[in-house]
Amino acid sequence: MDDDTRLLTAQLAAAIVRFEKRMDQAAARLASRMDAGDRWYTAFAWKAFIASTLGSFAVIGTAGYAIWEAQHTLRETRWVRQINAAQAAGRLSQCPGGGDHVCAKVDKRWVRLDP
């Protein structure tokens, strides 16, 4: 081999070594970015899960309260309806046994109206 060929071979080998070093650095940077991205996506997924869970509990609680409120209103409506029916059918008075309960005399007997 002559000197030109050896010089060309040495320069080519040096270029290949620099290329391999740059490829290794680029691969390391890419792996680091992928790990950071994985951590970010994992944290985001957990935060989304926690937010949906809390939102679900809020919706369930609100629905439960709405049902309770509707039942309470329905009971009051039934009681008012009983009072109106008693007023139309007989007379209202305090129950004969005492206490603060309201009774209505319907068909010759006293009927207690419970709120």
PDB file of N, CA and C in Angstrom:
ATOM      1  N   MET A   1       0.834  -1.172   0.000  1.00  0.00           N
ATOM      2  CA  MET A   1       0.000   0.000   0.000  1.00  0.00           C
ATOM      3  C   MET A   1       0.890   1.251   0.000  1.00  0.00           C
ATOM      4  N   ASP A   2       0.482   2.169  -0.742  1.00  0.00           N
ATOM      5  CA  ASP A   2       1.256   3.393  -0.775  1.00  0.00           C
ATOM      6  C   ASP A   2       0.753   4.355   0.294  1.00  0.00           C
ATOM      7  N   ASP A   3       1.404   5.467   0.453  1.00  0.00           N
ATOM      8  CA  ASP A   3       1.095   6.424   1.518  1.00  0.00           C
ATOM      9  C   ASP A   3      -0.279   7.065   1.334  1.00  0.00           C
ATOM     10  N   ASP A   4      -0.650   7.332   0.103  1.00  0.00           N
ATOM     11  CA  ASP A   4      -1.966   7.946  -0.161  1.00  0.00           C
ATOM     12  C   ASP A   4      -3.095   7.005   0.264  1.00  0.00           C
ATOM     13  N   THR A   5      -2.928   5.745  -0.016  1.00  0.00           N
ATOM     14  CA  THR A   5      -3.962   4.777   0.341  1.00  0.00           C
ATOM     15  C   THR A   5      -4.057   4.642   1.850  1.00  0.00           C
ATOM     16  N   ARG A   6      -2.915   4.604   2.529  1.00  0.00           N
ATOM     17  CA  ARG A   6      -2.925   4.496   3.990  1.00  0.00           C
ATOM     18  C   ARG A   6      -3.545   5.755   4.615  1.00  0.00           C
ATOM     19  N   LEU A   7      -3.229   6.894   4.087  1.00  0.00           N
ATOM     20  CA  LEU A   7      -3.790   8.147   4.586  1.00  0.00           C
ATOM     21  C   LEU A   7      -5.298   8.182   4.381  1.00  0.00           C
ATOM     22  N   LEU A   8      -5.741   7.755   3.212  1.00  0.00           N
ATOM     23  CA  LEU A   8      -7.169   7.709   2.911  1.00  0.00           C
ATOM     24  C   LEU A   8      -7.872   6.715   3.826  1.00  0.00           C
ATOM     25  N   THR A   9      -7.267   5.565   4.071  1.00  0.00           N
ATOM     26  CA  THR A   9      -7.850   4.541   4.947  1.00  0.00           C
ATOM     27  C   THR A   9      -7.931   5.067   6.378  1.00  0.00           C
ATOM     28  N   ALA A  10      -6.895   5.756   6.834  1.00  0.00           N
ATOM     29  CA  ALA A  10      -6.874   6.296   8.201  1.00  0.00           C
ATOM     30  C   ALA A  10      -7.946   7.370   8.364  1.00  0.00           C
ATOM     31  N   GLN A  11      -8.068   8.246   7.373  1.00  0.00           N
ATOM     32  CA  GLN A  11      -9.080   9.299   7.438  1.00  0.00           C
ATOM     33  C   GLN A  11     -10.489   8.705   7.385  1.00  0.00           C
ATOM     34  N   LEU A  12     -10.662   7.683   6.570  1.00  0.00           N
ATOM     35  CA  LEU A  12     -11.963   7.010   6.485  1.00  0.00           C
ATOM     36  C   LEU A  12     -12.309   6.328   7.794  1.00  0.00           C
ATOM     37  N   ALA A  13     -11.330   5.688   8.419  1.00  0.00           N
ATOM     38  CA  ALA A  13     -11.552   5.027   9.712  1.00  0.00           C
ATOM     39  C   ALA A  13     -11.899   6.063  10.778  1.00  0.00           C
ATOM     40  N   ALA A  14     -11.217   7.204  10.767  1.00  0.00           N
ATOM     41  CA  ALA A  14     -11.503   8.270  11.735  1.00  0.00           C
ATOM     42  C   ALA A  14     -12.906   8.826  11.519  1.00  0.00           C
ATOM     43  N   ALA A  15     -13.306   8.977  10.271  1.00  0.00           N
ATOM     44  CA  ALA A  15     -14.659   9.466   9.968  1.00  0.00           C
ATOM     45  C   ALA A  15     -15.704   8.473  10.441  1.00  0.00           C
ATOM     46  N   ILE A  16     -15.441   7.198  10.266  1.00  0.00           N
ATOM     47  CA  ILE A  16     -16.390   6.162  10.722  1.00  0.00           C
ATOM     48  C   ILE A  16     -16.495   6.180  12.236  1.00  0.00           C
ATOM     49  N   VAL A  17     -15.387   6.347  12.940  1.00  0.00           N
ATOM     50  CA  VAL A  17     -15.398   6.401  14.411  1.00  0.00           C
ATOM     51  C   VAL A  17     -16.210   7.615  14.881  1.00  0.00           C
ATOM     52  N   ARG A  18     -15.986   8.803  14.249  1.00  0.00           N
ATOM     53  CA  ARG A  18     -16.764   9.996  14.617  1.00  0.00           C
ATOM     54  C   ARG A  18     -18.251   9.787  14.342  1.00  0.00           C
ATOM     55  N   PHE A  19     -18.579   9.146  13.223  1.00  0.00           N
ATOM     56  CA  PHE A  19     -19.976   8.858  12.873  1.00  0.00           C
ATOM     57  C   PHE A  19     -20.612   7.927  13.909  1.00  0.00           C
ATOM     58  N   GLU A  20     -19.890   6.893  14.294  1.00  0.00           N
ATOM     59  CA  GLU A  20     -20.418   5.955  15.299  1.00  0.00           C
ATOM     60  C   GLU A  20     -20.636   6.658  16.635  1.00  0.00           C
ATOM     61  N   LYS A  21     -19.699   7.561  17.003  1.00  0.00           N
ATOM     62  CA  LYS A  21     -19.821   8.289  18.269  1.00  0.00           C
ATOM     63  C   LYS A  21     -21.062   9.187  18.231  1.00  0.00           C
ATOM     64  N   ARG A  22     -21.263   9.886  17.115  1.00  0.00           N
ATOM     65  CA  ARG A  22     -22.443  10.747  16.977  1.00  0.00           C
ATOM     66  C   ARG A  22     -23.733   9.929  16.990  1.00  0.00           C
ATOM     67  N   MET A  23     -23.714   8.780  16.364  1.00  0.00           N
ATOM     68  CA  MET A  23     -24.903   7.906  16.354  1.00  0.00           C
ATOM     69  C   MET A  23     -25.213   7.420  17.770  1.00  0.00           C
ATOM     70  N   ASP A  24     -24.177   7.066  18.534  1.00  0.00           N
ATOM     71  CA  ASP A  24     -24.385   6.643  19.922  1.00  0.00           C
ATOM     72  C   ASP A  24     -24.953   7.776  20.768  1.00  0.00           C
ATOM     73  N   GLN A  25     -24.437   9.002  20.588  1.00  0.00           N
ATOM     74  CA  GLN A  25     -24.948  10.160  21.321  1.00  0.00           C
ATOM     75  C   GLN A  25     -26.404  10.449  20.943  1.00  0.00           C
ATOM     76  N   ALA A  26     -26.700  10.361  19.661  1.00  0.00           N
ATOM     77  CA  ALA A  26     -28.071  10.610  19.206  1.00  0.00           C
ATOM     78  C   ALA A  26     -29.019   9.554  19.753  1.00  0.00           C
ATOM     79  N   ALA A  27     -28.570   8.311  19.778  1.00  0.00           N
ATOM     80  CA  ALA A  27     -29.410   7.231  20.315  1.00  0.00           C
ATOM     81  C   ALA A  27     -29.640   7.429  21.809  1.00  0.00           C
ATOM     82  N   ALA A  28     -28.611   7.882  22.523  1.00  0.00           N
ATOM     83  CA  ALA A  28     -28.755   8.128  23.959  1.00  0.00           C
ATOM     84  C   ALA A  28     -29.733   9.282  24.216  1.00  0.00           C
ATOM     85  N   ARG A  29     -29.622  10.363  23.422  1.00  0.00           N
ATOM     86  CA  ARG A  29     -30.563  11.486  23.563  1.00  0.00           C
ATOM     87  C   ARG A  29     -31.992  11.044  23.258  1.00  0.00           C
ATOM     88  N   LEU A  30     -32.159  10.241  22.222  1.00  0.00           N
ATOM     89  CA  LEU A  30     -33.493   9.763  21.854  1.00  0.00           C
ATOM     90  C   LEU A  30     -34.078   8.891  22.961  1.00  0.00           C
ATOM     91  N   ALA A  31     -33.260   8.010  23.522  1.00  0.00           N
ATOM     92  CA  ALA A  31     -33.732   7.148  24.615  1.00  0.00           C
ATOM     93  C   ALA A  31     -34.117   7.993  25.823  1.00  0.00           C
ATOM     94  N   SER A  32     -33.338   9.043  26.121  1.00  0.00           N
ATOM     95  CA  SER A  32     -33.646   9.929  27.241  1.00  0.00           C
ATOM     96  C   SER A  32     -34.964  10.661  27.008  1.00  0.00           C
ATOM     97  N   ARG A  33     -35.162  11.164  25.798  1.00  0.00           N
ATOM     98  CA  ARG A  33     -36.421  11.852  25.479  1.00  0.00           C
ATOM     99  C   ARG A  33     -37.612  10.903  25.531  1.00  0.00           C
ATOM    100  N   MET A  34     -37.422   9.687  25.074  1.00  0.00           N
ATOM    101  CA  MET A  34     -38.519   8.707  25.118  1.00  0.00           C
ATOM    102  C   MET A  34     -38.872   8.359  26.562  1.00  0.00           C
ATOM    103  N   ASP A  35     -37.873   8.220  27.431  1.00  0.00           N
ATOM    104  CA  ASP A  35     -38.148   7.950  28.842  1.00  0.00           C
ATOM    105  C   ASP A  35     -38.890   9.114  29.479  1.00  0.00           C
ATOM    106  N   ALA A  36     -38.463  10.340  29.177  1.00  0.00           N
ATOM    107  CA  ALA A  36     -39.151  11.518  29.721  1.00  0.00           C
ATOM    108  C   ALA A  36     -40.591  11.576  29.209  1.00  0.00           C
ATOM    109  N   GLY A  37     -40.772  11.267  27.937  1.00  0.00           N
ATOM    110  CA  GLY A  37     -42.128  11.246  27.376  1.00  0.00           C
ATOM    111  C   GLY A  37     -42.990  10.176  28.023  1.00  0.00           C
ATOM    112  N   ASP A  38     -42.407   9.012  28.264  1.00  0.00           N
ATOM    113  CA  ASP A  38     -43.160   7.941  28.931  1.00  0.00           C
ATOM    114  C   ASP A  38     -43.577   8.363  30.332  1.00  0.00           C
ATOM    115  N   ARG A  39     -42.664   9.009  31.066  1.00  0.00           N
ATOM    116  CA  ARG A  39     -43.007   9.475  32.420  1.00  0.00           C
ATOM    117  C   ARG A  39     -44.115  10.521  32.364  1.00  0.00           C
ATOM    118  N   TRP A  40     -44.031  11.439  31.384  1.00  0.00           N
ATOM    119  CA  TRP A  40     -45.053  12.475  31.262  1.00  0.00           C
ATOM    120  C   TRP A  40     -46.414  11.864  30.934  1.00  0.00           C
ATOM    121  N   TYR A  41     -46.444  10.943  29.981  1.00  0.00           N
ATOM    122  CA  TYR A  41     -47.715  10.318  29.602  1.00  0.00           C
ATOM    123  C   TYR A  41     -48.284   9.487  30.737  1.00  0.00           C
ATOM    124  N   THR A  42     -47.420   8.802  31.495  1.00  0.00           N
ATOM    125  CA  THR A  42     -47.896   8.018  32.641  1.00  0.00           C
ATOM    126  C   THR A  42     -48.500   8.938  33.695  1.00  0.00           C
ATOM    127  N   ALA A  43     -47.803  10.041  33.994  1.00  0.00           N
ATOM    128  CA  ALA A  43     -48.331  10.994  34.976  1.00  0.00           C
ATOM    129  C   ALA A  43     -49.651  11.593  34.485  1.00  0.00           C
ATOM    130  N   PHE A  44     -49.722  11.916  33.202  1.00  0.00           N
ATOM    131  CA  PHE A  44     -50.951  12.471  32.635  1.00  0.00           C
ATOM    132  C   PHE A  44     -52.098  11.467  32.730  1.00  0.00           C
ATOM    133  N   ALA A  45     -51.805  10.195  32.446  1.00  0.00           N
ATOM    134  CA  ALA A  45     -52.847   9.164  32.517  1.00  0.00           C
ATOM    135  C   ALA A  45     -53.363   9.018  33.942  1.00  0.00           C
ATOM    136  N   TRP A  46     -52.460   9.049  34.930  1.00  0.00           N
ATOM    137  CA  TRP A  46     -52.902   8.941  36.323  1.00  0.00           C
ATOM    138  C   TRP A  46     -53.737  10.146  36.726  1.00  0.00           C
ATOM    139  N   LYS A  47     -53.309  11.329  36.312  1.00  0.00           N
ATOM    140  CA  LYS A  47     -54.077  12.532  36.643  1.00  0.00           C
ATOM    141  C   LYS A  47     -55.461  12.488  35.999  1.00  0.00           C
ATOM    142  N   ALA A  48     -55.539  12.013  34.784  1.00  0.00           N
ATOM    143  CA  ALA A  48     -56.832  11.891  34.105  1.00  0.00           C
ATOM    144  C   ALA A  48     -57.719  10.879  34.821  1.00  0.00           C
ATOM    145  N   PHE A  49     -57.132   9.766  35.254  1.00  0.00           N
ATOM    146  CA  PHE A  49     -57.891   8.752  35.977  1.00  0.00           C
ATOM    147  C   PHE A  49     -58.429   9.312  37.292  1.00  0.00           C
ATOM    148  N   ILE A  50     -57.581  10.020  38.022  1.00  0.00           N
ATOM    149  CA  ILE A  50     -58.009  10.586  39.306  1.00  0.00           C
ATOM    150  C   ILE A  50     -59.092  11.637  39.087  1.00  0.00           C
ATOM    151  N   ALA A  51     -58.926  12.477  38.063  1.00  0.00           N
ATOM    152  CA  ALA A  51     -59.941  13.497  37.778  1.00  0.00           C
ATOM    153  C   ALA A  51     -61.268  12.861  37.399  1.00  0.00           C
ATOM    154  N   SER A  52     -61.229  11.785  36.581  1.00  0.00           N
ATOM    155  CA  SER A  52     -62.494  11.133  36.204  1.00  0.00           C
ATOM    156  C   SER A  52     -63.143  10.446  37.396  1.00  0.00           C
ATOM    157  N   THR A  53     -62.316   9.880  38.283  1.00  0.00           N
ATOM    158  CA  THR A  53     -62.878   9.227  39.468  1.00  0.00           C
ATOM    159  C   THR A  53     -63.564  10.259  40.358  1.00  0.00           C
ATOM    160  N   LEU A  54     -62.880  11.379  40.611  1.00  0.00           N
ATOM    161  CA  LEU A  54     -63.491  12.425  41.440  1.00  0.00           C
ATOM    162  C   LEU A  54     -64.743  13.002  40.774  1.00  0.00           C
ATOM    163  N   GLY A  55     -64.683  13.176  39.465  1.00  0.00           N
ATOM    164  CA  GLY A  55     -65.863  13.655  38.742  1.00  0.00           C
ATOM    165  C   GLY A  55     -67.030  12.684  38.843  1.00  0.00           C
ATOM    166  N   SER A  56     -66.719  11.395  38.767  1.00  0.00           N
ATOM    167  CA  SER A  56     -67.770  10.377  38.885  1.00  0.00           C
ATOM    168  C   SER A  56     -68.414  10.420  40.266  1.00  0.00           C
ATOM    169  N   PHE A  57     -67.571  10.562  41.304  1.00  0.00           N
ATOM    170  CA  PHE A  57     -68.126  10.651  42.658  1.00  0.00           C
ATOM    171  C   PHE A  57     -68.995  11.893  42.806  1.00  0.00           C
ATOM    172  N   ALA A  58     -68.580  12.990  42.198  1.00  0.00           N
ATOM    173  CA  ALA A  58     -69.377  14.210  42.268  1.00  0.00           C
ATOM    174  C   ALA A  58     -70.721  14.023  41.571  1.00  0.00           C
ATOM    175  N   VAL A  59     -70.714  13.368  40.416  1.00  0.00           N
ATOM    176  CA  VAL A  59     -71.968  13.125  39.687  1.00  0.00           C
ATOM    177  C   VAL A  59     -72.873  12.190  40.487  1.00  0.00           C
ATOM    178  N   ILE A  60     -72.295  11.130  41.057  1.00  0.00           N
ATOM    179  CA  ILE A  60     -73.094  10.188  41.845  1.00  0.00           C
ATOM    180  C   ILE A  60     -73.670  10.888  43.073  1.00  0.00           C
ATOM    181  N   GLY A  61     -72.859  11.719  43.739  1.00  0.00           N
ATOM    182  CA  GLY A  61     -73.351  12.458  44.904  1.00  0.00           C
ATOM    183  C   GLY A  61     -74.462  13.425  44.547  1.00  0.00           C
ATOM    184  N   THR A  62     -74.300  14.119  43.444  1.00  0.00           N
ATOM    185  CA  THR A  62     -75.334  15.058  43.000  1.00  0.00           C
ATOM    186  C   THR A  62     -76.621  14.325  42.635  1.00  0.00           C
ATOM    187  N   ALA A  63     -76.477  13.192  41.955  1.00  0.00           N
ATOM    188  CA  ALA A  63     -77.667  12.407  41.594  1.00  0.00           C
ATOM    189  C   ALA A  63     -78.364  11.883  42.848  1.00  0.00           C
ATOM    190  N   GLY A  64     -77.572  11.418  43.824  1.00  0.00           N
ATOM    191  CA  GLY A  64     -78.158  10.937  45.078  1.00  0.00           C
ATOM    192  C   GLY A  64     -78.905  12.039  45.808  1.00  0.00           C
ATOM    193  N   TYR A  65     -78.305  13.226  45.850  1.00  0.00           N
ATOM    194  CA  TYR A  65     -78.978  14.353  46.499  1.00  0.00           C
ATOM    195  C   TYR A  65     -80.254  14.727  45.759  1.00  0.00           C
ATOM    196  N   ALA A  66     -80.221  14.715  44.436  1.00  0.00           N
ATOM    197  CA  ALA A  66     -81.416  15.059  43.657  1.00  0.00           C
ATOM    198  C   ALA A  66     -82.532  14.050  43.908  1.00  0.00           C
ATOM    199  N   ILE A  67     -82.168  12.765  43.991  1.00  0.00           N
ATOM    200  CA  ILE A  67     -83.180  11.742  44.277  1.00  0.00           C
ATOM    201  C   ILE A  67     -83.755  11.937  45.667  1.00  0.00           C
ATOM    202  N   TRP A  68     -82.880  12.195  46.657  1.00  0.00           N
ATOM    203  CA  TRP A  68     -83.356  12.408  48.023  1.00  0.00           C
ATOM    204  C   TRP A  68     -84.289  13.618  48.083  1.00  0.00           C
ATOM    205  N   GLU A  69     -83.891  14.692  47.423  1.00  0.00           N
ATOM    206  CA  GLU A  69     -84.711  15.910  47.411  1.00  0.00           C
ATOM    207  C   GLU A  69     -86.062  15.653  46.741  1.00  0.00           C
ATOM    208  N   ALA A  70     -86.064  14.886  45.658  1.00  0.00           N
ATOM    209  CA  ALA A  70     -87.323  14.581  44.968  1.00  0.00           C
ATOM    210  C   ALA A  70     -88.236  13.739  45.858  1.00  0.00           C
ATOM    211  N   GLN A  71     -87.664  12.768  46.573  1.00  0.00           N
ATOM    212  CA  GLN A  71     -88.481  11.946  47.467  1.00  0.00           C
ATOM    213  C   GLN A  71     -89.051  12.783  48.610  1.00  0.00           C
ATOM    214  N   HIS A  72     -88.226  13.682  49.135  1.00  0.00           N
ATOM    215  CA  HIS A  72     -88.692  14.556  50.209  1.00  0.00           C
ATOM    216  C   HIS A  72     -89.846  15.435  49.727  1.00  0.00           C
ATOM    217  N   THR A  73     -89.716  15.993  48.558  1.00  0.00           N
ATOM    218  CA  THR A  73     -90.777  16.822  47.984  1.00  0.00           C
ATOM    219  C   THR A  73     -92.033  15.998  47.720  1.00  0.00           C
ATOM    220  N   LEU A  74     -91.849  14.777  47.259  1.00  0.00           N
ATOM    221  CA  LEU A  74     -92.996  13.891  47.014  1.00  0.00           C
ATOM    222  C   LEU A  74     -93.740  13.585  48.309  1.00  0.00           C
ATOM    223  N   ARG A  75     -92.989  13.326  49.406  1.00  0.00           N
ATOM    224  CA  ARG A  75     -93.645  13.077  50.695  1.00  0.00           C
ATOM    225  C   ARG A  75     -94.437  14.301  51.148  1.00  0.00           C
ATOM    226  N   GLU A  76     -93.851  15.469  50.997  1.00  0.00           N
ATOM    227  CA  GLU A  76     -94.572  16.691  51.380  1.00  0.00           C
ATOM    228  C   GLU A  76     -95.822  16.893  50.532  1.00  0.00           C
ATOM    229  N   THR A  77     -95.710  16.595  49.250  1.00  0.00           N
ATOM    230  CA  THR A  77     -96.854  16.738  48.357  1.00  0.00           C
ATOM    231  C   THR A  77     -97.973  15.776  48.754  1.00  0.00           C
ATOM    232  N   ARG A  78     -97.608  14.546  49.087  1.00  0.00           N
ATOM    233  CA  ARG A  78     -98.628  13.573  49.535  1.00  0.00           C
ATOM    234  C   ARG A  78     -99.310  14.057  50.807  1.00  0.00           C
ATOM    235  N   TRP A  79     -98.534  14.623  51.728  1.00  0.00           N
ATOM    236  CA  TRP A  79     -99.102  15.096  52.985  1.00  0.00           C
ATOM    237  C   TRP A  79    -100.070  16.242  52.738  1.00  0.00           C
ATOM    238  N   VAL A  80     -99.679  17.180  51.870  1.00  0.00           N
ATOM    239  CA  VAL A  80    -100.571  18.299  51.539  1.00  0.00           C
ATOM    240  C   VAL A  80    -101.830  17.779  50.855  1.00  0.00           C
ATOM    241  N   ARG A  81    -101.660  16.774  49.993  1.00  0.00           N
ATOM    242  CA  ARG A  81    -102.829  16.179  49.330  1.00  0.00           C
ATOM    243  C   ARG A  81    -103.766  15.517  50.356  1.00  0.00           C
ATOM    244  N   GLN A  82    -103.190  14.862  51.366  1.00  0.00           N
ATOM    245  CA  GLN A  82    -104.017  14.246  52.418  1.00  0.00           C
ATOM    246  C   GLN A  82    -104.778  15.323  53.190  1.00  0.00           C
ATOM    247  N   ILE A  83    -104.106  16.403  53.480  1.00  0.00           N
ATOM    248  CA  ILE A  83    -104.777  17.483  54.212  1.00  0.00           C
ATOM    249  C   ILE A  83    -105.913  18.071  53.371  1.00  0.00           C
ATOM    250  N   ASN A  84    -105.637  18.293  52.098  1.00  0.00           N
ATOM    251  CA  ASN A  84    -106.694  18.830  51.222  1.00  0.00           C
ATOM    252  C   ASN A  84    -107.858  17.859  51.104  1.00  0.00           C
ATOM    253  N   ALA A  85    -107.559  16.559  50.993  1.00  0.00           N
ATOM    254  CA  ALA A  85    -108.643  15.571  50.913  1.00  0.00           C
ATOM    255  C   ALA A  85    -109.416  15.516  52.220  1.00  0.00           C
ATOM    256  N   ALA A  86    -108.698  15.606  53.347  1.00  0.00           N
ATOM    257  CA  ALA A  86    -109.381  15.574  54.642  1.00  0.00           C
ATOM    258  C   ALA A  86    -110.240  16.812  54.830  1.00  0.00           C
ATOM    259  N   GLN A  87    -109.732  17.919  54.364  1.00  0.00           N
ATOM    260  CA  GLN A  87    -110.504  19.150  54.480  1.00  0.00           C
ATOM    261  C   GLN A  87    -111.772  19.067  53.638  1.00  0.00           C
ATOM    262  N   ALA A  88    -111.669  18.424  52.479  1.00  0.00           N
ATOM    263  CA  ALA A  88    -112.839  18.287  51.613  1.00  0.00           C
ATOM    264  C   ALA A  88    -113.808  17.234  52.146  1.00  0.00           C
ATOM    265  N   ALA A  89    -113.306  16.196  52.795  1.00  0.00           N
ATOM    266  CA  ALA A  89    -114.166  15.092  53.213  1.00  0.00           C
ATOM    267  C   ALA A  89    -114.659  15.206  54.643  1.00  0.00           C
ATOM    268  N   GLY A  90    -114.016  15.926  55.454  1.00  0.00           N
ATOM    269  CA  GLY A  90    -114.413  15.996  56.868  1.00  0.00           C
ATOM    270  C   GLY A  90    -113.862  17.256  57.483  1.00  0.00           C
ATOM    271  N   ARG A  91    -113.494  17.120  58.742  1.00  0.00           N
ATOM    272  CA  ARG A  91    -112.924  18.305  59.369  1.00  0.00           C
ATOM    273  C   ARG A  91    -111.567  17.974  59.961  1.00  0.00           C
ATOM    274  N   LEU A  92    -110.720  18.956  60.060  1.00  0.00           N
ATOM    275  CA  LEU A  92    -109.387  18.802  60.620  1.00  0.00           C
ATOM    276  C   LEU A  92    -109.405  19.185  62.078  1.00  0.00           C
ATOM    277  N   SER A  93    -108.603  18.448  62.853  1.00  0.00           N
ATOM    278  CA  SER A  93    -108.538  18.747  64.266  1.00  0.00           C
ATOM    279  C   SER A  93    -107.265  18.126  64.830  1.00  0.00           C
ATOM    280  N   GLN A  94    -107.006  18.471  66.075  1.00  0.00           N
ATOM    281  CA  GLN A  94    -105.909  17.810  66.754  1.00  0.00           C
ATOM    282  C   GLN A  94    -106.351  16.393  67.071  1.00  0.00           C
ATOM    283  N   CYS A  95    -105.417  15.442  67.010  1.00  0.00           N
ATOM    284  CA  CYS A  95    -105.786  14.036  67.256  1.00  0.00           C
ATOM    285  C   CYS A  95    -106.358  13.880  68.656  1.00  0.00           C
ATOM    286  N   PRO A  96    -107.350  12.977  68.835  1.00  0.00           N
ATOM    287  CA  PRO A  96    -107.991  12.800  70.137  1.00  0.00           C
ATOM    288  C   PRO A  96    -107.019  12.327  71.217  1.00  0.00           C
ATOM    289  N   GLY A  97    -105.963  11.609  70.851  1.00  0.00           N
ATOM    290  CA  GLY A  97    -105.024  11.091  71.846  1.00  0.00           C
ATOM    291  C   GLY A  97    -104.073  12.145  72.369  1.00  0.00           C
ATOM    292  N   GLY A  98    -104.167  13.339  71.910  1.00  0.00           N
ATOM    293  CA  GLY A  98    -103.264  14.405  72.348  1.00  0.00           C
ATOM    294  C   GLY A  98    -102.081  14.512  71.411  1.00  0.00           C
ATOM    295  N   GLY A  99    -101.195  15.332  71.797  1.00  0.00           N
ATOM    296  CA  GLY A  99    -100.015  15.531  70.974  1.00  0.00           C
ATOM    297  C   GLY A  99    -100.233  16.613  69.934  1.00  0.00           C
ATOM    298  N   ASP A 100     -99.243  16.795  69.097  1.00  0.00           N
ATOM    299  CA  ASP A 100     -99.301  17.851  68.089  1.00  0.00           C
ATOM    300  C   ASP A 100     -99.672  17.311  66.716  1.00  0.00           C
ATOM    301  N   HIS A 101    -100.237  16.130  66.655  1.00  0.00           N
ATOM    302  CA  HIS A 101    -100.566  15.535  65.367  1.00  0.00           C
ATOM    303  C   HIS A 101    -101.911  16.044  64.877  1.00  0.00           C
ATOM    304  N   VAL A 102    -102.018  16.111  63.568  1.00  0.00           N
ATOM    305  CA  VAL A 102    -103.249  16.574  62.937  1.00  0.00           C
ATOM    306  C   VAL A 102    -104.038  15.347  62.492  1.00  0.00           C
ATOM    307  N   CYS A 103    -105.327  15.340  62.800  1.00  0.00           N
ATOM    308  CA  CYS A 103    -106.204  14.243  62.393  1.00  0.00           C
ATOM    309  C   CYS A 103    -107.401  14.813  61.635  1.00  0.00           C
ATOM    310  N   ALA A 104    -107.971  13.960  60.832  1.00  0.00           N
ATOM    311  CA  ALA A 104    -109.168  14.350  60.091  1.00  0.00           C
ATOM    312  C   ALA A 104    -110.241  13.316  60.375  1.00  0.00           C
ATOM    313  N   LYS A 105    -111.458  13.775  60.519  1.00  0.00           N
ATOM    314  CA  LYS A 105    -112.562  12.860  60.760  1.00  0.00           C
ATOM    315  C   LYS A 105    -113.146  12.489  59.401  1.00  0.00           C
ATOM    316  N   VAL A 106    -112.932  11.214  59.038  1.00  0.00           N
ATOM    317  CA  VAL A 106    -113.404  10.717  57.758  1.00  0.00           C
ATOM    318  C   VAL A 106    -114.241   9.471  58.045  1.00  0.00           C
ATOM    319  N   ASP A 107    -115.478   9.435  57.543  1.00  0.00           N
ATOM    320  CA  ASP A 107    -116.392   8.306  57.749  1.00  0.00           C
ATOM    321  C   ASP A 107    -116.521   7.946  59.226  1.00  0.00           C
ATOM    322  N   LYS A 108    -116.731   8.887  60.075  1.00  0.00           N
ATOM    323  CA  LYS A 108    -116.980   8.736  61.509  1.00  0.00           C
ATOM    324  C   LYS A 108    -115.783   8.191  62.297  1.00  0.00           C
ATOM    325  N   ARG A 109    -114.583   8.314  61.755  1.00  0.00           N
ATOM    326  CA  ARG A 109    -113.397   7.907  62.528  1.00  0.00           C
ATOM    327  C   ARG A 109    -112.284   8.930  62.274  1.00  0.00           C
ATOM    328  N   TRP A 110    -111.407   9.024  63.244  1.00  0.00           N
ATOM    329  CA  TRP A 110    -110.298   9.972  63.126  1.00  0.00           C
ATOM    330  C   TRP A 110    -109.116   9.310  62.439  1.00  0.00           C
ATOM    331  N   VAL A 111    -108.578  10.012  61.429  1.00  0.00           N
ATOM    332  CA  VAL A 111    -107.430   9.511  60.676  1.00  0.00           C
ATOM    333  C   VAL A 111    -106.272  10.487  60.885  1.00  0.00           C
ATOM    334  N   ARG A 112    -105.150   9.911  61.310  1.00  0.00           N
ATOM    335  CA  ARG A 112    -103.964  10.758  61.570  1.00  0.00           C
ATOM    336  C   ARG A 112    -103.276  11.100  60.249  1.00  0.00           C
ATOM    337  N   LEU A 113    -102.976  12.355  60.078  1.00  0.00           N
ATOM    338  CA  LEU A 113    -102.261  12.806  58.892  1.00  0.00           C
ATOM    339  C   LEU A 113    -100.788  12.997  59.260  1.00  0.00           C
ATOM    340  N   ASP A 114     -99.943  12.102  58.773  1.00  0.00           N
ATOM    341  CA  ASP A 114     -98.518  12.181  59.075  1.00  0.00           C
ATOM    342  C   ASP A 114     -97.786  12.974  58.004  1.00  0.00           C
ATOM    343  N   PRO A 115     -96.940  13.906  58.442  1.00  0.00           N
ATOM    344  CA  PRO A 115     -96.167  14.661  57.451  1.00  0.00           C
ATOM    345  C   PRO A 115     -95.024  13.830  56.898  1.00  0.00           C
TER     346      PRO A 115
END
